[in-house]
C-alpha atoms as a PDB file:
ATOM      1  CA  MET A   1     -30.024 -38.393 -12.349  1.00  0.00           C
ATOM      2  CA  ASP A   2     -29.702 -35.318 -14.905  1.00  0.00           C
ATOM      3  CA  PHE A   3     -31.956 -32.457 -15.309  1.00  0.00           C
ATOM      4  CA  LYS A   4     -32.351 -29.419 -17.433  1.00  0.00           C
ATOM      5  CA  ARG A   5     -34.377 -27.325 -15.455  1.00  0.00           C
ATOM      6  CA  HIS A   6     -34.519 -26.424 -11.713  1.00  0.00           C
ATOM      7  CA  LYS A   7     -38.508 -26.978 -11.768  1.00  0.00           C
ATOM      8  CA  ASP A   8     -37.854 -30.524 -12.680  1.00  0.00           C
ATOM      9  CA  VAL A   9     -35.089 -30.905  -9.762  1.00  0.00           C
ATOM     10  CA  LEU A  10     -37.687 -29.566  -7.114  1.00  0.00           C
ATOM     11  CA  ALA A  11     -40.601 -31.858  -8.831  1.00  0.00           C
ATOM     12  CA  TYR A  12     -37.952 -34.943  -8.441  1.00  0.00           C
ATOM     13  CA  PHE A  13     -37.427 -33.769  -4.967  1.00  0.00           C
ATOM     14  CA  ASN A  14     -41.010 -33.220  -3.832  1.00  0.00           C
ATOM     15  CA  GLN A  15     -42.065 -36.685  -5.468  1.00  0.00           C
ATOM     16  CA  TYR A  16     -39.505 -38.693  -3.901  1.00  0.00           C
ATOM     17  CA  TYR A  17     -38.476 -36.958  -0.626  1.00  0.00           C
ATOM     18  CA  ILE A  18     -41.366 -34.803   0.452  1.00  0.00           C
ATOM     19  CA  LYS A  19     -44.415 -37.211  -0.554  1.00  0.00           C
ATOM     20  CA  THR A  20     -42.469 -39.980   1.136  1.00  0.00           C
ATOM     21  CA  GLU A  21     -41.888 -37.922   4.240  1.00  0.00           C
ATOM     22  CA  LYS A  22     -38.095 -38.631   4.097  1.00  0.00           C
ATOM     23  CA  PHE A  23     -38.078 -34.636   4.636  1.00  0.00           C
ATOM     24  CA  PRO A  24     -40.483 -32.325   5.975  1.00  0.00           C
ATOM     25  CA  LYS A  25     -43.161 -30.466   3.937  1.00  0.00           C
ATOM     26  CA  MET A  26     -42.070 -27.208   5.078  1.00  0.00           C
ATOM     27  CA  ILE A  27     -38.660 -27.432   3.542  1.00  0.00           C
ATOM     28  CA  SER A  28     -40.281 -27.891   0.317  1.00  0.00           C
ATOM     29  CA  LYS A  29     -42.076 -24.542   0.549  1.00  0.00           C
ATOM     30  CA  LYS A  30     -39.022 -22.834   1.539  1.00  0.00           C
ATOM     31  CA  ILE A  31     -37.020 -24.394  -1.219  1.00  0.00           C
ATOM     32  CA  SER A  32     -40.189 -23.087  -3.753  1.00  0.00           C
ATOM     33  CA  GLN A  33     -39.908 -19.517  -2.235  1.00  0.00           C
ATOM     34  CA  ALA A  34     -35.690 -19.273  -2.471  1.00  0.00           C
ATOM     35  CA  SER A  35     -36.421 -20.435  -6.071  1.00  0.00           C
ATOM     36  CA  LYS A  36     -38.679 -17.700  -6.965  1.00  0.00           C
ATOM     37  CA  VAL A  37     -36.295 -15.087  -5.208  1.00  0.00           C
ATOM     38  CA  ARG A  38     -33.503 -16.754  -7.524  1.00  0.00           C
ATOM     39  CA  GLU A  39     -35.543 -16.657 -10.365  1.00  0.00           C
ATOM     40  CA  ASP A  40     -36.663 -12.864  -9.927  1.00  0.00           C
ATOM     41  CA  SER A  41     -32.842 -12.135  -9.280  1.00  0.00           C
ATOM     42  CA  ASP A  42     -31.865 -13.768 -12.402  1.00  0.00           C
ATOM     43  CA  TYR A  43     -34.324 -12.539 -14.841  1.00  0.00           C
ATOM     44  CA  ASP A  44     -35.764  -9.542 -13.437  1.00  0.00           C
ATOM     45  CA  ASP A  45     -33.398  -6.437 -14.134  1.00  0.00           C
ATOM     46  CA  GLU A  46     -35.119  -4.347 -11.682  1.00  0.00           C
ATOM     47  CA  PHE A  47     -35.091  -6.779  -8.785  1.00  0.00           C
ATOM     48  CA  THR A  48     -33.026  -6.305  -5.667  1.00  0.00           C
ATOM     49  CA  PRO A  49     -33.514  -8.615  -2.895  1.00  0.00           C
ATOM     50  CA  THR A  50     -34.192  -7.143   0.733  1.00  0.00           C
ATOM     51  CA  ASP A  51     -31.789  -7.789   3.414  1.00  0.00           C
ATOM     52  CA  GLU A  52     -34.669  -9.701   4.971  1.00  0.00           C
ATOM     53  CA  GLU A  53     -35.047 -12.032   1.664  1.00  0.00           C
ATOM     54  CA  THR A  54     -31.301 -12.493   1.571  1.00  0.00           C
ATOM     55  CA  LYS A  55     -31.098 -13.634   5.364  1.00  0.00           C
ATOM     56  CA  LEU A  56     -34.056 -16.049   4.740  1.00  0.00           C
ATOM     57  CA  GLN A  57     -32.026 -17.419   1.667  1.00  0.00           C
ATOM     58  CA  ILE A  58     -29.237 -17.935   3.670  1.00  0.00           C
ATOM     59  CA  ASP A  59     -31.458 -19.569   6.519  1.00  0.00           C
ATOM     60  CA  THR A  60     -33.144 -21.920   4.167  1.00  0.00           C
ATOM     61  CA  ALA A  61     -29.857 -23.178   2.702  1.00  0.00           C
ATOM     62  CA  LYS A  62     -28.328 -23.765   6.020  1.00  0.00           C
ATOM     63  CA  GLU A  63     -31.505 -25.542   7.128  1.00  0.00           C
ATOM     64  CA  LEU A  64     -31.543 -27.588   4.014  1.00  0.00           C
ATOM     65  CA  ILE A  65     -27.965 -28.594   4.479  1.00  0.00           C
ATOM     66  CA  LYS A  66     -28.568 -29.978   8.026  1.00  0.00           C
ATOM     67  CA  LEU A  67     -31.237 -31.876   6.780  1.00  0.00           C
ATOM     68  CA  VAL A  68     -29.407 -33.677   4.199  1.00  0.00           C
ATOM     69  CA  GLU A  69     -26.504 -34.069   6.436  1.00  0.00           C
ATOM     70  CA  GLU A  70     -29.204 -35.819   8.722  1.00  0.00           C
ATOM     71  CA  TYR A  71     -30.713 -37.976   6.164  1.00  0.00           C
ATOM     72  CA  PHE A  72     -27.075 -39.079   4.935  1.00  0.00           C
ATOM     73  CA  LYS A  73     -26.031 -39.800   8.672  1.00  0.00           C
ATOM     74  CA  LYS A  74     -29.309 -41.883   8.940  1.00  0.00           C
ATOM     75  CA  TYR A  75     -29.281 -44.115   5.972  1.00  0.00           C
ATOM     76  CA  ASN A  76     -25.400 -44.374   6.337  1.00  0.00           C
ATOM     77  CA  ILE A  77     -24.719 -42.504   2.834  1.00  0.00           C
ATOM     78  CA  LYS A  78     -21.302 -41.190   2.384  1.00  0.00           C
END
């Protein structure tokens, strides 16, 4: 797969992994929220994430990594 935009990656993930229930719906919402903070950080010179927003980003990343590791283990993907 080759994507030119982050939103295309998210759309693909939602279509093939969320809608098929390979990953829980709640992670899609968390990824979307994380993406919004990333966009704000990249494109809004006045934006500074709070400590809480930063912690939430880290927690979401850890949760997604855990889910992907479990998925790989379940389907014996290396």
